[in-house]
Each structure stands twice: as C-alpha cells, then as structure tokens.
N, C-alpha and C. Protein backbone atom coordinates (compact mmCIF):
# COMPACT_ATOMS: atom_id res chain seq x y z
N MET A 1 73.60 170.49 -183.92
CA MET A 1 74.92 170.43 -184.15
C MET A 1 75.11 170.27 -185.60
N ASN A 2 75.70 170.70 -186.55
CA ASN A 2 75.90 170.61 -188.06
C ASN A 2 76.78 169.37 -188.19
N SER A 3 76.41 168.78 -189.70
CA SER A 3 77.16 167.56 -189.83
C SER A 3 78.75 167.75 -189.77
N ALA A 4 79.08 168.93 -190.11
CA ALA A 4 80.65 169.10 -189.89
C ALA A 4 81.33 168.88 -188.73
N THR A 5 80.17 169.64 -187.68
CA THR A 5 81.23 169.29 -186.54
C THR A 5 80.72 167.83 -185.70
N LYS A 6 79.30 167.08 -186.67
CA LYS A 6 79.73 165.75 -186.14
C LYS A 6 80.45 165.13 -186.37
N ALA A 7 80.92 165.55 -187.65
CA ALA A 7 82.15 164.43 -188.39
C ALA A 7 83.70 165.02 -187.80
N GLU A 8 83.88 166.04 -187.08
CA GLU A 8 85.01 166.39 -186.23
C GLU A 8 84.77 165.37 -185.09
N THR A 9 83.61 165.61 -184.14
CA THR A 9 83.68 164.98 -183.29
C THR A 9 83.86 163.67 -183.24
N LEU A 10 83.46 163.00 -183.99
CA LEU A 10 83.11 161.58 -184.61
C LEU A 10 84.86 160.92 -184.84
N ALA A 11 85.46 162.02 -185.55
CA ALA A 11 86.78 162.12 -186.04
C ALA A 11 87.72 161.51 -184.59
N ASN A 12 87.33 162.42 -183.74
CA ASN A 12 88.26 162.85 -182.62
C ASN A 12 87.61 161.56 -181.65
N ARG A 13 87.06 160.55 -181.65
CA ARG A 13 86.81 159.81 -180.59
C ARG A 13 86.83 158.61 -181.39
N GLU A 14 86.86 158.39 -182.29
CA GLU A 14 87.20 156.71 -183.02
C GLU A 14 88.35 156.94 -184.61
N ALA A 15 88.89 156.06 -184.20
CA ALA A 15 89.89 156.06 -185.43
C ALA A 15 89.14 155.87 -187.07
N VAL A 16 88.77 157.00 -187.74
CA VAL A 16 88.12 157.45 -188.84
C VAL A 16 89.00 158.15 -189.65
N TYR A 17 89.22 158.14 -191.13
CA TYR A 17 90.02 158.85 -191.96
C TYR A 17 88.71 159.73 -193.16
N ARG A 18 88.86 160.80 -193.30
CA ARG A 18 88.17 161.29 -194.37
C ARG A 18 88.90 161.16 -195.61
N ILE A 19 88.00 161.06 -196.86
CA ILE A 19 88.11 160.55 -198.12
C ILE A 19 90.03 161.11 -198.72
N GLY A 20 90.07 162.39 -198.47
CA GLY A 20 91.12 162.81 -198.86
C GLY A 20 92.58 162.49 -198.21
N GLU A 21 92.24 162.20 -196.68
CA GLU A 21 93.22 161.45 -196.08
C GLU A 21 93.57 160.18 -196.96
N LEU A 22 93.03 159.06 -196.65
CA LEU A 22 93.37 157.78 -197.66
C LEU A 22 93.50 158.09 -198.93
N SER A 23 93.27 159.27 -199.71
CA SER A 23 93.80 159.24 -201.10
C SER A 23 94.79 159.97 -201.08
N LYS A 24 95.42 160.64 -200.27
CA LYS A 24 96.86 161.29 -200.05
C LYS A 24 97.44 159.78 -199.65
N GLU A 25 97.32 158.95 -198.71
CA GLU A 25 98.01 158.24 -197.77
C GLU A 25 98.32 156.86 -199.04
N PHE A 26 97.27 156.66 -199.84
CA PHE A 26 97.18 155.81 -200.51
C PHE A 26 97.66 155.89 -202.19
N ASP A 27 97.83 156.96 -202.28
CA ASP A 27 98.34 157.86 -203.70
C ASP A 27 96.92 157.35 -204.65
N VAL A 28 95.91 157.73 -204.38
CA VAL A 28 94.67 157.30 -205.28
C VAL A 28 93.88 158.30 -205.50
N THR A 29 92.95 158.59 -206.60
CA THR A 29 92.27 159.72 -206.37
C THR A 29 90.52 159.54 -205.49
N LEU A 30 90.26 160.36 -205.41
CA LEU A 30 89.02 160.55 -204.59
C LEU A 30 87.51 159.81 -205.55
N ARG A 31 88.23 160.19 -207.16
CA ARG A 31 86.73 159.47 -207.63
C ARG A 31 87.14 157.85 -207.22
N THR A 32 88.36 157.36 -207.54
CA THR A 32 89.02 155.86 -207.19
C THR A 32 88.13 155.66 -205.98
N LEU A 33 88.54 156.01 -204.60
CA LEU A 33 87.47 156.04 -203.56
C LEU A 33 86.47 155.62 -203.85
N ARG A 34 85.24 156.60 -204.35
CA ARG A 34 84.03 156.59 -204.91
C ARG A 34 83.85 156.01 -205.77
N PHE A 35 84.46 155.28 -206.59
CA PHE A 35 84.28 154.16 -207.42
C PHE A 35 84.22 152.90 -206.56
N TYR A 36 85.06 152.48 -205.70
CA TYR A 36 85.19 151.78 -204.90
C TYR A 36 83.98 151.23 -203.96
N GLU A 37 83.45 152.59 -203.57
CA GLU A 37 82.25 152.35 -202.70
C GLU A 37 81.17 151.86 -203.39
N ASP A 38 80.91 152.69 -204.90
CA ASP A 38 80.08 152.42 -205.47
C ASP A 38 79.85 150.82 -205.91
N LYS A 39 81.02 150.40 -206.33
CA LYS A 39 81.37 148.77 -206.75
C LYS A 39 81.07 147.53 -205.00
N GLY A 40 80.58 148.60 -203.98
CA GLY A 40 80.54 147.56 -202.74
C GLY A 40 81.83 147.16 -202.12
N LEU A 41 83.03 147.77 -202.39
CA LEU A 41 84.34 147.27 -202.01
C LEU A 41 84.56 148.28 -200.55
N LEU A 42 83.95 149.48 -200.75
CA LEU A 42 84.18 150.11 -199.31
C LEU A 42 82.78 150.60 -198.89
N SER A 43 82.62 150.71 -197.53
CA SER A 43 81.73 151.50 -196.84
C SER A 43 81.55 152.28 -195.87
N PRO A 44 82.02 153.48 -196.40
CA PRO A 44 82.49 154.38 -195.64
C PRO A 44 80.82 154.88 -194.95
N ARG A 45 80.79 155.54 -193.59
CA ARG A 45 80.27 156.07 -192.85
C ARG A 45 79.60 157.45 -193.62
N ARG A 46 78.57 158.04 -193.69
CA ARG A 46 78.45 159.78 -193.55
C ARG A 46 78.12 160.17 -192.84
N ILE A 47 78.30 161.52 -192.75
CA ILE A 47 77.94 162.55 -192.07
C ILE A 47 77.60 163.40 -192.62
N GLY A 48 76.18 164.12 -193.30
CA GLY A 48 76.43 165.22 -193.77
C GLY A 48 76.79 164.49 -195.56
N ASN A 49 77.47 165.39 -195.94
CA ASN A 49 78.37 165.11 -197.63
C ASN A 49 79.33 164.50 -197.18
N THR A 50 80.16 164.28 -195.71
CA THR A 50 81.56 163.92 -195.37
C THR A 50 81.08 162.18 -195.24
N ARG A 51 82.87 161.98 -195.99
CA ARG A 51 82.42 160.52 -195.99
C ARG A 51 83.23 160.11 -194.82
N LEU A 52 83.60 159.09 -193.95
CA LEU A 52 84.03 158.98 -192.85
C LEU A 52 84.84 157.47 -193.03
N TYR A 53 85.67 157.30 -193.49
CA TYR A 53 86.64 155.64 -193.10
C TYR A 53 87.07 155.03 -191.90
N SER A 54 86.66 153.79 -191.96
CA SER A 54 86.92 153.11 -190.48
C SER A 54 88.03 152.54 -190.57
N ARG A 55 88.64 152.18 -189.82
CA ARG A 55 89.83 151.06 -189.65
C ARG A 55 89.77 150.15 -190.67
N ALA A 56 88.65 149.27 -190.63
CA ALA A 56 88.51 147.86 -191.58
C ALA A 56 88.66 148.68 -192.91
N ASP A 57 87.75 150.00 -193.40
CA ASP A 57 87.82 150.27 -194.60
C ASP A 57 89.14 150.45 -194.97
N ARG A 58 90.21 151.06 -194.09
CA ARG A 58 91.50 151.43 -194.58
C ARG A 58 92.16 150.16 -195.01
N THR A 59 91.89 149.12 -193.95
CA THR A 59 92.72 147.62 -194.20
C THR A 59 92.06 147.02 -195.23
N ARG A 60 90.35 147.39 -196.10
CA ARG A 60 90.43 147.01 -197.25
C ARG A 60 90.56 147.43 -198.52
N LEU A 61 90.93 148.91 -198.06
CA LEU A 61 91.53 149.44 -199.53
C LEU A 61 93.10 148.95 -199.28
N LYS A 62 93.89 148.70 -198.62
CA LYS A 62 95.13 148.33 -198.56
C LYS A 62 94.87 146.79 -199.39
N LEU A 63 93.75 145.67 -199.13
CA LEU A 63 93.79 145.02 -199.70
C LEU A 63 93.39 144.67 -201.06
N ILE A 64 92.71 145.83 -201.54
CA ILE A 64 91.93 145.99 -202.69
C ILE A 64 93.37 146.56 -203.38
N LEU A 65 94.08 147.58 -203.08
CA LEU A 65 95.05 147.64 -204.20
C LEU A 65 96.27 146.67 -204.34
N LEU A 66 96.39 145.80 -202.89
CA LEU A 66 97.80 144.88 -203.04
C LEU A 66 96.59 143.74 -204.69
N GLY A 67 95.65 143.54 -204.52
CA GLY A 67 95.08 142.77 -205.10
C GLY A 67 94.90 143.18 -206.54
N LYS A 68 94.78 144.55 -207.07
CA LYS A 68 95.02 145.08 -208.18
C LYS A 68 96.22 145.12 -208.13
N ARG A 69 97.42 145.40 -207.59
CA ARG A 69 98.80 145.38 -207.85
C ARG A 69 99.00 144.18 -208.41
N VAL A 70 98.26 142.91 -208.07
CA VAL A 70 99.37 141.49 -208.42
C VAL A 70 98.41 141.21 -209.38
N GLY A 71 96.93 142.07 -210.38
CA GLY A 71 96.33 141.69 -211.71
C GLY A 71 94.79 140.88 -210.77
N LEU A 72 94.44 141.21 -209.53
CA LEU A 72 93.05 140.04 -209.43
C LEU A 72 91.87 141.30 -210.20
N SER A 73 91.07 140.56 -210.46
CA SER A 73 89.80 141.56 -210.65
C SER A 73 89.24 141.77 -209.67
N LEU A 74 88.88 143.30 -209.75
CA LEU A 74 87.78 143.51 -208.46
C LEU A 74 86.95 142.71 -207.77
N LEU A 75 86.28 141.81 -209.00
CA LEU A 75 85.46 140.99 -208.29
C LEU A 75 85.66 139.75 -207.69
N ASP A 76 87.31 139.64 -208.27
CA ASP A 76 88.06 138.82 -207.24
C ASP A 76 87.94 138.93 -205.93
N VAL A 77 88.79 140.10 -205.73
CA VAL A 77 88.55 140.78 -204.53
C VAL A 77 87.39 141.29 -203.88
N LYS A 78 86.74 141.51 -204.04
CA LYS A 78 85.20 141.40 -203.56
C LYS A 78 84.96 140.27 -202.84
N GLU A 79 85.01 139.46 -203.81
CA GLU A 79 84.45 137.84 -203.49
C GLU A 79 85.46 137.39 -201.74
N ILE A 80 86.77 138.17 -202.15
CA ILE A 80 87.86 137.82 -200.99
C ILE A 80 87.54 138.47 -199.75
N LEU A 81 86.89 139.73 -199.89
CA LEU A 81 86.98 140.57 -198.61
C LEU A 81 85.15 140.15 -198.53
N ASP A 82 84.77 139.74 -198.95
CA ASP A 82 83.39 139.56 -198.83
C ASP A 82 82.87 138.29 -197.46
N LEU A 83 84.24 137.58 -197.51
CA LEU A 83 84.17 136.09 -197.01
C LEU A 83 84.72 136.73 -195.51
N TYR A 84 84.99 137.74 -195.35
CA TYR A 84 85.73 137.65 -193.96
C TYR A 84 84.60 137.91 -192.87
N ASP A 85 84.65 136.82 -191.89
CA ASP A 85 84.12 136.83 -190.53
C ASP A 85 84.50 137.72 -189.63
N PRO A 86 84.35 138.15 -189.02
CA PRO A 86 85.23 138.89 -187.73
C PRO A 86 85.44 138.17 -186.59
N LYS A 87 83.83 137.21 -186.48
CA LYS A 87 83.74 135.99 -185.43
C LYS A 87 83.96 134.94 -185.55
N GLY A 88 84.71 134.73 -186.96
CA GLY A 88 85.19 133.13 -187.75
C GLY A 88 86.48 132.85 -187.45
N ASP A 89 87.11 131.78 -188.41
CA ASP A 89 88.53 131.65 -188.43
C ASP A 89 88.55 131.94 -189.59
N ASN A 90 87.86 132.24 -190.79
CA ASN A 90 88.21 132.93 -191.66
C ASN A 90 88.57 131.89 -192.82
N ARG A 91 88.56 130.55 -192.47
CA ARG A 91 89.24 129.33 -193.43
C ARG A 91 88.92 129.82 -194.85
N ARG A 92 87.43 129.76 -195.07
CA ARG A 92 87.05 129.89 -196.24
C ARG A 92 87.91 131.07 -196.77
N GLN A 93 87.60 132.41 -196.15
CA GLN A 93 88.16 133.41 -197.21
C GLN A 93 89.57 133.19 -197.50
N LEU A 94 90.74 132.63 -196.39
CA LEU A 94 92.16 131.99 -196.93
C LEU A 94 92.04 130.95 -197.87
N GLU A 95 91.43 130.25 -198.11
CA GLU A 95 91.05 129.11 -199.16
C GLU A 95 91.12 129.98 -200.18
N VAL A 96 89.78 130.34 -200.63
CA VAL A 96 89.34 131.41 -201.80
C VAL A 96 90.38 132.10 -202.08
N ALA A 97 91.31 133.15 -200.95
CA ALA A 97 92.21 133.96 -201.57
C ALA A 97 93.42 133.04 -201.88
N PHE A 98 94.00 132.23 -201.39
CA PHE A 98 94.87 130.85 -201.68
C PHE A 98 95.19 130.77 -203.12
N GLU A 99 93.34 130.09 -203.32
CA GLU A 99 93.57 129.72 -204.69
C GLU A 99 93.54 130.92 -205.69
N LYS A 100 92.85 132.01 -205.41
CA LYS A 100 92.86 132.72 -206.65
C LYS A 100 94.16 133.44 -206.79
N GLY A 101 94.86 133.42 -205.50
CA GLY A 101 96.66 133.86 -205.90
C GLY A 101 97.54 132.98 -206.35
N ARG A 102 96.93 131.67 -206.10
CA ARG A 102 97.69 130.25 -206.87
C ARG A 102 97.11 130.60 -208.52
N GLU A 103 96.15 130.84 -208.98
CA GLU A 103 95.49 131.14 -210.10
C GLU A 103 96.38 132.35 -210.78
N GLN A 104 96.45 133.20 -210.02
CA GLN A 104 97.40 134.31 -210.75
C GLN A 104 98.49 134.01 -211.03
N MET A 105 99.48 133.46 -210.03
CA MET A 105 100.51 133.29 -209.56
C MET A 105 100.84 132.44 -211.19
N GLU A 106 99.80 131.53 -211.97
CA GLU A 106 100.16 130.90 -212.99
C GLU A 106 100.35 131.82 -214.32
N ILE A 107 99.00 132.67 -214.28
CA ILE A 107 99.07 133.57 -215.07
C ILE A 107 100.00 134.15 -215.70
N LEU A 108 100.70 134.80 -214.20
CA LEU A 108 101.53 135.70 -214.00
C LEU A 108 103.00 135.42 -215.00
N GLN A 109 103.35 133.90 -214.27
CA GLN A 109 104.61 133.34 -214.67
C GLN A 109 104.54 133.03 -216.24
N SER A 110 103.11 132.75 -217.10
CA SER A 110 103.15 132.12 -218.13
C SER A 110 103.17 133.68 -218.83
N GLN A 111 103.09 134.97 -218.66
CA GLN A 111 103.27 135.99 -218.58
C GLN A 111 104.42 136.50 -219.00
N ARG A 112 105.25 136.14 -218.03
CA ARG A 112 106.79 136.30 -218.02
C ARG A 112 107.53 135.10 -219.05
N LYS A 113 107.05 134.35 -218.88
CA LYS A 113 108.03 133.16 -220.19
C LYS A 113 107.69 133.86 -221.61
N GLU A 114 106.45 134.45 -221.88
CA GLU A 114 105.86 135.56 -223.23
C GLU A 114 106.74 136.49 -223.50
N ILE A 115 107.35 137.65 -222.46
CA ILE A 115 107.86 138.53 -222.39
C ILE A 115 109.02 137.95 -222.12
N ASP A 116 110.13 137.51 -221.76
CA ASP A 116 111.14 136.77 -221.88
C ASP A 116 111.65 136.11 -223.46
N ALA A 117 110.76 135.85 -223.85
CA ALA A 117 110.81 135.41 -225.61
C ALA A 117 110.79 136.73 -226.43
N ALA A 118 109.63 137.42 -226.22
CA ALA A 118 109.96 138.60 -227.01
C ALA A 118 111.07 139.44 -226.84
N ILE A 119 111.42 139.42 -225.62
CA ILE A 119 112.88 140.16 -225.15
C ILE A 119 114.36 140.02 -225.87
N GLU A 120 114.00 138.40 -225.87
CA GLU A 120 115.34 137.42 -226.83
C GLU A 120 115.02 137.71 -228.33
N GLU A 121 113.65 137.34 -228.62
CA GLU A 121 113.40 137.77 -230.19
C GLU A 121 113.67 139.50 -230.66
N LEU A 122 113.36 140.07 -229.91
CA LEU A 122 113.61 141.78 -230.19
C LEU A 122 115.24 141.73 -229.96
N ASP A 123 115.94 141.23 -228.94
CA ASP A 123 117.66 141.22 -229.17
C ASP A 123 117.89 141.26 -230.47
N ARG A 124 117.92 139.76 -230.84
CA ARG A 124 118.13 138.82 -231.96
C ARG A 124 118.17 140.03 -232.99
N SER A 125 116.86 140.54 -233.49
CA SER A 125 116.50 141.43 -234.44
C SER A 125 117.34 142.76 -234.45
N MET A 126 117.15 143.31 -233.27
CA MET A 126 118.10 144.49 -232.80
C MET A 126 119.76 143.63 -233.44
N THR A 127 120.31 143.20 -233.15
CA THR A 127 121.40 142.80 -233.58
C THR A 127 121.75 142.72 -234.73
N THR A 128 120.64 142.10 -235.33
CA THR A 128 120.63 141.99 -237.14
C THR A 128 120.56 143.69 -237.71
N VAL A 129 119.78 144.18 -237.14
CA VAL A 129 119.63 145.55 -237.66
C VAL A 129 120.98 146.32 -237.31
N ARG A 130 121.46 146.21 -236.24
CA ARG A 130 122.78 147.04 -236.45
C ARG A 130 123.68 146.73 -237.12
N GLY A 131 123.88 145.41 -237.37
CA GLY A 131 124.73 144.50 -238.33
C GLY A 131 124.55 145.40 -239.46
N MET A 132 123.63 145.44 -239.99
CA MET A 132 123.00 146.13 -241.43
C MET A 132 123.62 147.55 -241.10
N LEU A 133 122.90 148.32 -240.29
CA LEU A 133 123.22 149.59 -240.18
C LEU A 133 125.01 150.02 -240.23
N GLU A 134 125.55 148.98 -239.45
CA GLU A 134 127.20 148.93 -239.82
C GLU A 134 127.77 148.91 -241.12
N ASN A 135 127.15 148.17 -241.97
CA ASN A 135 127.29 147.77 -243.05
C ASN A 135 126.95 148.82 -244.42
N THR A 136 126.03 149.33 -243.50
CA THR A 136 125.92 150.73 -244.87
C THR A 136 126.96 151.92 -244.27
N ALA A 137 127.26 151.80 -243.27
CA ALA A 137 127.99 153.03 -242.91
C ALA A 137 129.25 153.20 -243.57
N ALA A 138 130.33 152.01 -243.99
CA ALA A 138 131.05 151.64 -244.22
C ALA A 138 130.99 151.77 -245.59
C-alpha cells in the first residue's frame, strides 16, 4: 500500500485532518502550520509526505490562534499547552494559563489607556487644524 493510500485509510478510520483542511478551516497558511510544527506546537503524524493532524492537534491549533489573538507569545502558548496531562486534573496548566491571561489583560488595559489618550490628543489637534482651515477660507 503506498503512502497516499495509507493516509486515506487512516483518515477514514480516525478523525484526522490534512494540512490543507486545517489551513482552510482556520484561515492560516500552510507555511504557518509548518512553522507551528517546527516550533513544537503541533505534532502531526506523517505518512510519506502527508501530514495528518489529530483532534488534539486541531484543538491545540485553536488555542494557539486564541493566544495569538490576545497577544500571548508563542513561548507562553507552548508553555501552557505543554502542561496538559490527559490523565491529570491539569490544575497547573490552568493556573499558568490564568496567570498569563491576567498579565496580558494588564498589558492590554494599559495599551487601551494610551490609545484613548492618543485619540483625545489627535481629536484636539484636528479641531485646531479645522479652525485654522476655516479661518484661511474666509
């Protein structure tokens, strides 16, 4: 049986996803998925040149992308994911995830204050410039 046929057989027996399927589902490039694999964030099974991702890989990808959206580093995401123990209560993983989330929340709230201040300053400047434009038009 060649590797393509083996991949087909495995895909039919188990819930596995090909790289292109995950790429489309999560709107990420193939290169991104390979990058996450190189960084140890995803561990697809290989049959020949075909990468087959498990349900666990799919879940990990969802969590990687969530972490990325909220501004966590890939190192932080990897640390959290690597603490997962399918046989344990994962308390340590939850504690680390909560702490990293709390730290990121503080960073984002600080950035929001800075952005709000910049918007107010820009609004005042634009009001001044608008007034100057109106005076030159008269």
